[in-house]
């Protein structure tokens, strides 16, 4: 049985300004650090064995912050880097809507149908996310593993773990849930640990 805890990286000034961050590395804001403090307190209670992130974007800074509080080493895994959104990166969402209205609507309806110019397709993202998950599970059998990831790639990880089509990625990306916990048995079946609130990890129901 593997226990994988997905933590969404802390917010940056671009995210708080409603900009699409993508792979651009930015520091965590004060508000983002406050949330990470609360997350760290929760994670310590789970007695985690290891912590991974891409080491880039906001996930690297978030992972370093959490690793320090959990007394772990922040390990890097390139497969969990944020989705490259190409020329849309850095733009306010409202400006993307105005300039690329049709493409943006399609991206929101089915993110697998559109790849932003000079960006990365979700098919490529799914391939590398599966590779990353296979790697950390093989290396950490029976352990509790924390994965810190930025908004879109963390949603892609959720999709892969729950066997949800990537066409439905936004149902995870839009929730802003800071912690998700998945238990994976030896047969590869996944159960979702539900909690009383986003930052209260007292289990309510252990399977879905």
C-alpha atoms as a PDB file:
ATOM      1  CA  UNK A   1       0.000   0.000   0.000  1.00  0.00           C
ATOM      2  CA  UNK A   2       1.376   3.393  -1.029  1.00  0.00           C
ATOM      3  CA  UNK A   3       0.118   6.645   0.423  1.00  0.00           C
ATOM      4  CA  UNK A   4       0.527   9.633  -1.913  1.00  0.00           C
ATOM      5  CA  UNK A   5      -0.295  13.121  -0.684  1.00  0.00           C
ATOM      6  CA  UNK A   6      -0.577  15.776  -3.392  1.00  0.00           C
ATOM      7  CA  UNK A   7       0.040  19.345  -2.209  1.00  0.00           C
ATOM      8  CA  UNK A   8      -0.652  22.304  -4.452  1.00  0.00           C
ATOM      9  CA  UNK A   9       2.228  24.781  -4.536  1.00  0.00           C
ATOM     10  CA  UNK A  10       1.819  28.090  -2.721  1.00  0.00           C
ATOM     11  CA  UNK A  11       0.425  31.054  -4.587  1.00  0.00           C
ATOM     12  CA  UNK A  12       2.545  33.639  -6.412  1.00  0.00           C
ATOM     13  CA  UNK A  13       1.904  37.268  -7.296  1.00  0.00           C
ATOM     14  CA  UNK A  14       0.924  36.250 -10.830  1.00  0.00           C
ATOM     15  CA  UNK A  15      -1.688  33.825  -9.581  1.00  0.00           C
ATOM     16  CA  UNK A  16      -3.064  36.387  -7.161  1.00  0.00           C
ATOM     17  CA  UNK A  17      -3.200  38.825 -10.103  1.00  0.00           C
ATOM     18  CA  UNK A  18      -5.161  36.213 -12.101  1.00  0.00           C
ATOM     19  CA  UNK A  19      -2.306  35.580 -14.516  1.00  0.00           C
ATOM     20  CA  UNK A  20      -1.408  32.220 -16.021  1.00  0.00           C
ATOM     21  CA  UNK A  21       1.940  31.299 -14.500  1.00  0.00           C
ATOM     22  CA  UNK A  22       2.930  28.122 -16.324  1.00  0.00           C
ATOM     23  CA  UNK A  23       6.618  27.262 -15.977  1.00  0.00           C
ATOM     24  CA  UNK A  24       7.824  30.750 -14.990  1.00  0.00           C
ATOM     25  CA  UNK A  25       9.628  30.565 -11.596  1.00  0.00           C
ATOM     26  CA  UNK A  26       8.248  33.070  -9.090  1.00  0.00           C
ATOM     27  CA  UNK A  27       8.541  33.383  -5.289  1.00  0.00           C
ATOM     28  CA  UNK A  28       5.700  32.454  -2.961  1.00  0.00           C
ATOM     29  CA  UNK A  29       3.684  35.396  -1.629  1.00  0.00           C
ATOM     30  CA  UNK A  30       2.982  36.082   2.036  1.00  0.00           C
ATOM     31  CA  UNK A  31      -0.518  34.681   1.636  1.00  0.00           C
ATOM     32  CA  UNK A  32       0.925  31.582  -0.010  1.00  0.00           C
ATOM     33  CA  UNK A  33       3.349  31.084   2.869  1.00  0.00           C
ATOM     34  CA  UNK A  34       0.524  31.337   5.405  1.00  0.00           C
ATOM     35  CA  UNK A  35      -1.271  28.456   3.695  1.00  0.00           C
ATOM     36  CA  UNK A  36       1.965  26.457   3.535  1.00  0.00           C
ATOM     37  CA  UNK A  37       2.408  26.913   7.301  1.00  0.00           C
ATOM     38  CA  UNK A  38      -1.005  25.321   7.851  1.00  0.00           C
ATOM     39  CA  UNK A  39      -0.253  22.553   5.359  1.00  0.00           C
ATOM     40  CA  UNK A  40       3.067  21.790   7.062  1.00  0.00           C
ATOM     41  CA  UNK A  41       1.316  21.348  10.414  1.00  0.00           C
ATOM     42  CA  UNK A  42      -1.054  18.854   8.811  1.00  0.00           C
ATOM     43  CA  UNK A  43       1.647  16.959   6.932  1.00  0.00           C
ATOM     44  CA  UNK A  44       3.739  16.458  10.062  1.00  0.00           C
ATOM     45  CA  UNK A  45       0.841  14.464  11.533  1.00  0.00           C
ATOM     46  CA  UNK A  46       0.981  12.011   8.604  1.00  0.00           C
ATOM     47  CA  UNK A  47       4.641  11.111   9.378  1.00  0.00           C
ATOM     48  CA  UNK A  48       5.749  11.407   5.737  1.00  0.00           C
ATOM     49  CA  UNK A  49       8.776   9.466   4.512  1.00  0.00           C
ATOM     50  CA  UNK A  50       9.781  11.617   1.551  1.00  0.00           C
ATOM     51  CA  UNK A  51       8.860  14.700  -0.460  1.00  0.00           C
ATOM     52  CA  UNK A  52       9.121  15.373  -4.194  1.00  0.00           C
ATOM     53  CA  UNK A  53       8.643  18.303  -6.547  1.00  0.00           C
ATOM     54  CA  UNK A  54       9.950  19.379  -9.929  1.00  0.00           C
ATOM     55  CA  UNK A  55      12.262  21.793  -8.123  1.00  0.00           C
ATOM     56  CA  UNK A  56      11.073  24.546 -10.465  1.00  0.00           C
ATOM     57  CA  UNK A  57       8.293  27.161 -10.618  1.00  0.00           C
ATOM     58  CA  UNK A  58       6.486  27.784  -7.336  1.00  0.00           C
ATOM     59  CA  UNK A  59       6.575  24.069  -6.514  1.00  0.00           C
ATOM     60  CA  UNK A  60      10.309  24.099  -5.804  1.00  0.00           C
ATOM     61  CA  UNK A  61      10.063  26.940  -3.308  1.00  0.00           C
ATOM     62  CA  UNK A  62       6.978  25.366  -1.728  1.00  0.00           C
ATOM     63  CA  UNK A  63       8.694  21.981  -1.462  1.00  0.00           C
ATOM     64  CA  UNK A  64      11.751  23.525   0.207  1.00  0.00           C
ATOM     65  CA  UNK A  65       9.477  25.289   2.707  1.00  0.00           C
ATOM     66  CA  UNK A  66       7.531  22.131   3.564  1.00  0.00           C
ATOM     67  CA  UNK A  67      10.627  19.922   3.643  1.00  0.00           C
ATOM     68  CA  UNK A  68      12.224  22.178   6.237  1.00  0.00           C
ATOM     69  CA  UNK A  69       9.163  22.007   8.491  1.00  0.00           C
ATOM     70  CA  UNK A  70       8.722  18.252   8.017  1.00  0.00           C
ATOM     71  CA  UNK A  71      12.445  17.581   8.451  1.00  0.00           C
ATOM     72  CA  UNK A  72      12.719  15.950   5.040  1.00  0.00           C
ATOM     73  CA  UNK A  73      14.940  16.390   2.014  1.00  0.00           C
ATOM     74  CA  UNK A  74      13.176  17.962  -0.972  1.00  0.00           C
ATOM     75  CA  UNK A  75      13.845  15.593  -3.869  1.00  0.00           C
ATOM     76  CA  UNK A  76      13.513  16.647  -7.500  1.00  0.00           C
ATOM     77  CA  UNK A  77      11.584  14.809 -10.189  1.00  0.00           C
ATOM     78  CA  UNK A  78      11.425  16.492 -13.585  1.00  0.00           C
ATOM     79  CA  UNK A  79       8.252  14.658 -14.628  1.00  0.00           C
ATOM     80  CA  UNK A  80       6.201  16.830 -12.253  1.00  0.00           C
ATOM     81  CA  UNK A  81       7.150  20.210 -13.733  1.00  0.00           C
ATOM     82  CA  UNK A  82       4.243  22.547 -14.408  1.00  0.00           C
ATOM     83  CA  UNK A  83       2.427  22.484 -17.746  1.00  0.00           C
ATOM     84  CA  UNK A  84       4.130  24.756 -20.282  1.00  0.00           C
ATOM     85  CA  UNK A  85       1.430  27.153 -21.479  1.00  0.00           C
ATOM     86  CA  UNK A  86       3.621  28.767 -24.129  1.00  0.00           C
ATOM     87  CA  UNK A  87       2.814  32.339 -25.146  1.00  0.00           C
ATOM     88  CA  UNK A  88      -0.119  32.491 -22.711  1.00  0.00           C
ATOM     89  CA  UNK A  89       2.214  32.430 -19.716  1.00  0.00           C
ATOM     90  CA  UNK A  90       2.226  35.707 -17.831  1.00  0.00           C
ATOM     91  CA  UNK A  91      -1.009  36.931 -19.410  1.00  0.00           C
ATOM     92  CA  UNK A  92      -4.049  37.827 -17.348  1.00  0.00           C
ATOM     93  CA  UNK A  93      -6.874  35.379 -17.897  1.00  0.00           C
ATOM     94  CA  UNK A  94      -9.163  38.172 -19.085  1.00  0.00           C
ATOM     95  CA  UNK A  95      -6.579  39.177 -21.707  1.00  0.00           C
ATOM     96  CA  UNK A  96      -6.297  35.578 -22.938  1.00  0.00           C
ATOM     97  CA  UNK A  97     -10.085  35.484 -23.202  1.00  0.00           C
ATOM     98  CA  UNK A  98     -10.093  38.719 -25.209  1.00  0.00           C
ATOM     99  CA  UNK A  99      -7.223  37.860 -27.562  1.00  0.00           C
ATOM    100  CA  UNK A 100      -7.744  34.101 -27.950  1.00  0.00           C
ATOM    101  CA  UNK A 101     -11.442  33.816 -27.187  1.00  0.00           C
ATOM    102  CA  UNK A 102     -12.280  30.745 -29.272  1.00  0.00           C
ATOM    103  CA  UNK A 103      -9.115  28.839 -28.339  1.00  0.00           C
ATOM    104  CA  UNK A 104      -9.480  29.662 -24.664  1.00  0.00           C
ATOM    105  CA  UNK A 105     -13.112  28.488 -24.608  1.00  0.00           C
ATOM    106  CA  UNK A 106     -12.055  25.190 -26.196  1.00  0.00           C
ATOM    107  CA  UNK A 107      -9.194  24.863 -23.702  1.00  0.00           C
ATOM    108  CA  UNK A 108     -11.596  25.328 -20.815  1.00  0.00           C
ATOM    109  CA  UNK A 109     -14.170  22.923 -22.257  1.00  0.00           C
ATOM    110  CA  UNK A 110     -11.631  20.254 -23.231  1.00  0.00           C
ATOM    111  CA  UNK A 111      -8.002  21.089 -22.374  1.00  0.00           C
ATOM    112  CA  UNK A 112      -6.783  18.180 -24.493  1.00  0.00           C
ATOM    113  CA  UNK A 113      -8.205  19.814 -27.635  1.00  0.00           C
ATOM    114  CA  UNK A 114      -5.975  22.913 -27.577  1.00  0.00           C
ATOM    115  CA  UNK A 115      -2.231  23.410 -27.087  1.00  0.00           C
ATOM    116  CA  UNK A 116      -1.263  27.062 -26.528  1.00  0.00           C
ATOM    117  CA  UNK A 117       1.233  28.365 -29.088  1.00  0.00           C
ATOM    118  CA  UNK A 118       4.760  27.177 -28.158  1.00  0.00           C
ATOM    119  CA  UNK A 119       3.217  25.254 -25.271  1.00  0.00           C
ATOM    120  CA  UNK A 120       2.917  21.621 -24.267  1.00  0.00           C
ATOM    121  CA  UNK A 121       0.060  19.257 -25.058  1.00  0.00           C
ATOM    122  CA  UNK A 122      -1.731  17.462 -22.251  1.00  0.00           C
ATOM    123  CA  UNK A 123      -0.891  14.185 -23.960  1.00  0.00           C
ATOM    124  CA  UNK A 124       2.779  14.956 -23.290  1.00  0.00           C
ATOM    125  CA  UNK A 125       1.943  15.950 -19.726  1.00  0.00           C
ATOM    126  CA  UNK A 126       0.031  12.731 -19.081  1.00  0.00           C
ATOM    127  CA  UNK A 127       2.936  10.623 -20.346  1.00  0.00           C
ATOM    128  CA  UNK A 128       5.496  12.246 -18.078  1.00  0.00           C
ATOM    129  CA  UNK A 129       3.147  12.306 -15.061  1.00  0.00           C
ATOM    130  CA  UNK A 130       2.583   8.550 -15.391  1.00  0.00           C
ATOM    131  CA  UNK A 131       6.353   8.024 -15.600  1.00  0.00           C
ATOM    132  CA  UNK A 132       6.864  10.133 -12.488  1.00  0.00           C
ATOM    133  CA  UNK A 133       4.197   8.332 -10.482  1.00  0.00           C
ATOM    134  CA  UNK A 134       5.564   4.922 -11.485  1.00  0.00           C
ATOM    135  CA  UNK A 135       9.039   6.014 -10.456  1.00  0.00           C
ATOM    136  CA  UNK A 136       8.157   7.320  -6.996  1.00  0.00           C
ATOM    137  CA  UNK A 137       5.946   4.322  -6.235  1.00  0.00           C
ATOM    138  CA  UNK A 138       8.665   1.830  -7.164  1.00  0.00           C
ATOM    139  CA  UNK A 139      11.216   3.710  -5.077  1.00  0.00           C
ATOM    140  CA  UNK A 140       8.938   4.160  -2.069  1.00  0.00           C
ATOM    141  CA  UNK A 141       6.819   1.042  -1.740  1.00  0.00           C
ATOM    142  CA  UNK A 142       4.694   1.107   1.414  1.00  0.00           C
ATOM    143  CA  UNK A 143       5.694   4.672   2.280  1.00  0.00           C
ATOM    144  CA  UNK A 144       3.915   7.997   2.640  1.00  0.00           C
ATOM    145  CA  UNK A 145       5.048  10.261  -0.177  1.00  0.00           C
ATOM    146  CA  UNK A 146       4.377  13.977  -0.530  1.00  0.00           C
ATOM    147  CA  UNK A 147       4.278  15.431  -4.048  1.00  0.00           C
ATOM    148  CA  UNK A 148       4.291  19.226  -4.322  1.00  0.00           C
ATOM    149  CA  UNK A 149       3.111  20.454  -7.712  1.00  0.00           C
ATOM    150  CA  UNK A 150       1.818  23.607  -9.371  1.00  0.00           C
ATOM    151  CA  UNK A 151      -1.838  24.042 -10.304  1.00  0.00           C
ATOM    152  CA  UNK A 152      -2.204  22.378 -13.708  1.00  0.00           C
ATOM    153  CA  UNK A 153       0.241  19.501 -13.327  1.00  0.00           C
ATOM    154  CA  UNK A 154      -1.177  18.700  -9.873  1.00  0.00           C
ATOM    155  CA  UNK A 155      -4.604  18.433 -11.517  1.00  0.00           C
ATOM    156  CA  UNK A 156      -3.119  16.140 -14.156  1.00  0.00           C
ATOM    157  CA  UNK A 157      -1.693  13.964 -11.371  1.00  0.00           C
ATOM    158  CA  UNK A 158      -5.159  13.821  -9.784  1.00  0.00           C
ATOM    159  CA  UNK A 159      -6.612  12.707 -13.126  1.00  0.00           C
ATOM    160  CA  UNK A 160      -4.063   9.940 -13.585  1.00  0.00           C
ATOM    161  CA  UNK A 161      -4.442   8.629 -10.031  1.00  0.00           C
ATOM    162  CA  UNK A 162      -8.248   8.633 -10.136  1.00  0.00           C
ATOM    163  CA  UNK A 163      -8.416   7.364 -13.737  1.00  0.00           C
ATOM    164  CA  UNK A 164     -10.262  10.532 -14.736  1.00  0.00           C
ATOM    165  CA  UNK A 165      -9.913  11.579 -18.409  1.00  0.00           C
ATOM    166  CA  UNK A 166      -7.706  14.638 -18.823  1.00  0.00           C
ATOM    167  CA  UNK A 167     -10.609  16.296 -20.639  1.00  0.00           C
ATOM    168  CA  UNK A 168     -12.009  16.791 -17.120  1.00  0.00           C
ATOM    169  CA  UNK A 169      -8.803  18.245 -15.666  1.00  0.00           C
ATOM    170  CA  UNK A 170     -10.449  21.547 -14.725  1.00  0.00           C
ATOM    171  CA  UNK A 171     -12.661  19.840 -12.156  1.00  0.00           C
ATOM    172  CA  UNK A 172      -9.483  19.392 -10.117  1.00  0.00           C
ATOM    173  CA  UNK A 173      -7.618  22.542 -11.170  1.00  0.00           C
ATOM    174  CA  UNK A 174     -10.489  24.880 -10.294  1.00  0.00           C
ATOM    175  CA  UNK A 175     -11.108  23.476  -6.805  1.00  0.00           C
ATOM    176  CA  UNK A 176      -8.012  25.076  -5.244  1.00  0.00           C
ATOM    177  CA  UNK A 177      -7.885  22.190  -2.755  1.00  0.00           C
ATOM    178  CA  UNK A 178      -4.432  22.405  -1.116  1.00  0.00           C
ATOM    179  CA  UNK A 179      -4.149  18.738  -0.042  1.00  0.00           C
ATOM    180  CA  UNK A 180      -5.356  15.496  -1.635  1.00  0.00           C
ATOM    181  CA  UNK A 181      -4.500  12.073  -0.238  1.00  0.00           C
ATOM    182  CA  UNK A 182      -4.585   8.846  -2.286  1.00  0.00           C
ATOM    183  CA  UNK A 183      -3.981   5.324  -1.020  1.00  0.00           C
ATOM    184  CA  UNK A 184      -2.889   2.809  -3.654  1.00  0.00           C
ATOM    185  CA  UNK A 185      -3.039  -0.907  -2.893  1.00  0.00           C
ATOM    186  CA  UNK A 186      -0.817  -3.642  -4.351  1.00  0.00           C
ATOM    187  CA  UNK A 187      -3.309  -4.255  -7.166  1.00  0.00           C
ATOM    188  CA  UNK A 188      -3.119  -0.602  -8.207  1.00  0.00           C
ATOM    189  CA  UNK A 189      -6.587   0.276  -6.927  1.00  0.00           C
ATOM    190  CA  UNK A 190      -6.866   3.829  -5.607  1.00  0.00           C
ATOM    191  CA  UNK A 191      -8.943   5.037  -2.672  1.00  0.00           C
ATOM    192  CA  UNK A 192      -9.406   8.702  -1.839  1.00  0.00           C
ATOM    193  CA  UNK A 193      -9.129   9.848   1.746  1.00  0.00           C
ATOM    194  CA  UNK A 194     -11.772  12.494   2.406  1.00  0.00           C
ATOM    195  CA  UNK A 195     -11.394  15.153   5.073  1.00  0.00           C
ATOM    196  CA  UNK A 196     -13.602  17.419   7.138  1.00  0.00           C
ATOM    197  CA  UNK A 197     -12.191  20.498   5.424  1.00  0.00           C
ATOM    198  CA  UNK A 198      -9.378  21.467   3.056  1.00  0.00           C
ATOM    199  CA  UNK A 199      -6.810  21.643   5.839  1.00  0.00           C
ATOM    200  CA  UNK A 200      -8.280  19.245   8.390  1.00  0.00           C
ATOM    201  CA  UNK A 201      -6.938  15.797   7.585  1.00  0.00           C
ATOM    202  CA  UNK A 202      -9.186  13.900  10.008  1.00  0.00           C
ATOM    203  CA  UNK A 203     -10.594  11.138   7.786  1.00  0.00           C
ATOM    204  CA  UNK A 204     -14.337  11.095   7.210  1.00  0.00           C
ATOM    205  CA  UNK A 205     -14.568   8.409   4.532  1.00  0.00           C
ATOM    206  CA  UNK A 206     -11.610   6.393   3.310  1.00  0.00           C
ATOM    207  CA  UNK A 207     -12.887   5.169  -0.028  1.00  0.00           C
ATOM    208  CA  UNK A 208     -14.797   6.685  -2.899  1.00  0.00           C
END
